[in-house]
Amino acid sequence: RLEMNKFGVKVCIIEPGYFKTMITNTDNLEKNFHSIWNKLPEEIKASYGEDYLRKLVSMLKVLEKTYNTDLSLVTNCMEHALTSLHPRYRYSAGWDAKLLYLPISYLPSAFSDAL
């Protein structure tokens, strides 16, 4: 963003939370994870452990229940950034982006890493 400023280009950053899209679809992710896992050398699989993939997929399925389905929150940010006379530098779309990720970004790295 700052690098482009010297060329007269204003860059706006849109930081969405988790939204229900094909990218976040748990079934697709699970298939991809299993495909990648099956191609890994046994040494790497052993390093991560047998439960790693199962726990990862299980966690994603729990998180999927909290995904926002209203994509207009993101597209409204995009529209404002493109059409506003004075767009903001950063846009946070979704409750999780506003209430979790934005405040965490202000914490020292040690605290945010722990969270």
Protein backbone atom coordinates (compact mmCIF):
# COMPACT_ATOMS: atom_id res chain seq x y z
CA ARG A 1 0.00 0.00 0.00
CA LEU A 2 2.73 2.45 0.97
CA GLU A 3 4.94 1.53 -1.98
CA MET A 4 2.22 2.47 -4.46
CA ASN A 5 1.48 5.78 -2.74
CA LYS A 6 4.58 7.44 -4.25
CA PHE A 7 3.11 6.71 -7.71
CA GLY A 8 -0.18 8.39 -6.83
CA VAL A 9 -2.04 5.10 -6.44
CA LYS A 10 -4.21 4.74 -3.37
CA VAL A 11 -4.50 1.13 -2.26
CA CYS A 12 -7.34 0.06 0.01
CA ILE A 13 -7.12 -3.18 1.92
CA ILE A 14 -10.25 -5.25 2.44
CA GLU A 15 -9.81 -7.72 5.30
CA PRO A 16 -12.83 -10.01 5.45
CA GLY A 17 -13.53 -12.45 8.21
CA TYR A 18 -14.68 -15.96 7.38
CA PHE A 19 -17.46 -16.17 4.82
CA LYS A 20 -19.19 -19.22 3.40
CA THR A 21 -17.77 -19.57 -0.12
CA MET A 22 -16.39 -22.37 -2.27
CA ILE A 23 -12.92 -21.53 -0.94
CA THR A 24 -14.01 -22.20 2.64
CA ASN A 25 -16.18 -25.21 1.81
CA THR A 26 -15.12 -27.90 4.29
CA ASP A 27 -15.82 -30.81 1.94
CA ASN A 28 -13.56 -29.33 -0.75
CA LEU A 29 -10.86 -28.51 1.78
CA GLU A 30 -11.01 -32.00 3.27
CA LYS A 31 -10.60 -33.60 -0.16
CA ASN A 32 -7.64 -31.35 -0.93
CA PHE A 33 -6.02 -31.98 2.45
CA HIS A 34 -6.36 -35.76 2.05
CA SER A 35 -4.95 -35.58 -1.47
CA ILE A 36 -1.92 -33.61 -0.28
CA TRP A 37 -1.52 -35.80 2.81
CA ASN A 38 -1.44 -38.96 0.70
CA LYS A 39 1.38 -37.52 -1.41
CA LEU A 40 3.56 -36.63 1.58
CA PRO A 41 6.60 -38.72 2.47
CA GLU A 42 6.10 -40.99 5.48
CA GLU A 43 8.73 -39.02 7.41
CA ILE A 44 6.66 -35.85 7.24
CA LYS A 45 3.44 -37.70 8.12
CA ALA A 46 5.20 -39.14 11.15
CA SER A 47 6.40 -35.66 12.20
CA TYR A 48 2.85 -34.32 12.22
CA GLY A 49 1.32 -37.46 13.68
CA GLU A 50 -1.66 -39.59 12.77
CA ASP A 51 -4.24 -37.30 14.42
CA TYR A 52 -3.09 -34.06 12.78
CA LEU A 53 -5.24 -34.26 9.67
CA ARG A 54 -8.29 -35.56 11.53
CA LYS A 55 -8.09 -32.77 14.12
CA LEU A 56 -7.59 -30.15 11.41
CA VAL A 57 -10.68 -31.25 9.49
CA SER A 58 -12.67 -31.53 12.71
CA MET A 59 -11.73 -27.97 13.69
CA LEU A 60 -12.71 -26.67 10.23
CA LYS A 61 -16.13 -28.30 10.52
CA VAL A 62 -16.72 -26.57 13.85
CA LEU A 63 -15.55 -23.22 12.46
CA GLU A 64 -17.72 -23.61 9.36
CA LYS A 65 -20.81 -23.19 11.52
CA THR A 66 -19.68 -19.62 12.33
CA TYR A 67 -19.00 -18.55 8.72
CA ASN A 68 -20.99 -15.57 7.57
CA THR A 69 -23.29 -16.13 4.59
CA ASP A 70 -23.91 -12.46 3.77
CA LEU A 71 -21.29 -11.71 1.11
CA SER A 72 -22.78 -8.24 0.62
CA LEU A 73 -20.71 -7.16 3.64
CA VAL A 74 -17.59 -7.71 1.54
CA THR A 75 -18.98 -6.34 -1.71
CA ASN A 76 -20.24 -3.22 0.11
CA CYS A 77 -16.68 -2.59 1.30
CA MET A 78 -15.43 -3.06 -2.25
CA GLU A 79 -18.05 -0.68 -3.61
CA HIS A 80 -17.19 1.98 -1.04
CA ALA A 81 -13.47 1.65 -1.72
CA LEU A 82 -14.03 2.03 -5.47
CA THR A 83 -16.64 4.81 -5.51
CA SER A 84 -15.92 6.94 -2.45
CA LEU A 85 -14.20 10.29 -2.88
CA HIS A 86 -12.13 9.54 0.22
CA PRO A 87 -11.97 5.76 0.69
CA ARG A 88 -10.57 4.30 3.89
CA TYR A 89 -7.18 2.61 3.94
CA ARG A 90 -8.58 -0.54 5.54
CA TYR A 91 -11.98 -2.19 5.52
CA SER A 92 -13.00 -5.02 7.84
CA ALA A 93 -15.96 -7.08 6.64
CA GLY A 94 -17.79 -9.39 9.02
CA TRP A 95 -18.21 -9.55 12.77
CA ASP A 96 -15.16 -11.75 13.27
CA ALA A 97 -12.91 -9.33 11.42
CA LYS A 98 -14.16 -6.39 13.46
CA LEU A 99 -14.37 -8.02 16.88
CA LEU A 100 -11.51 -10.52 16.75
CA TYR A 101 -8.90 -9.94 14.08
CA LEU A 102 -8.74 -6.14 14.13
CA PRO A 103 -8.21 -5.85 17.91
CA ILE A 104 -5.75 -8.77 17.86
CA SER A 105 -3.68 -6.94 15.22
CA TYR A 106 -2.96 -4.19 17.76
CA LEU A 107 -1.65 -6.58 20.41
CA PRO A 108 2.03 -7.40 20.78
CA SER A 109 3.06 -10.44 18.73
CA ALA A 110 3.53 -12.62 21.83
CA PHE A 111 -0.12 -12.10 22.84
CA SER A 112 -1.55 -12.51 19.33
CA ASP A 113 0.54 -15.64 18.78
CA ALA A 114 -0.81 -17.12 22.00
CA LEU A 115 -4.40 -16.41 20.92
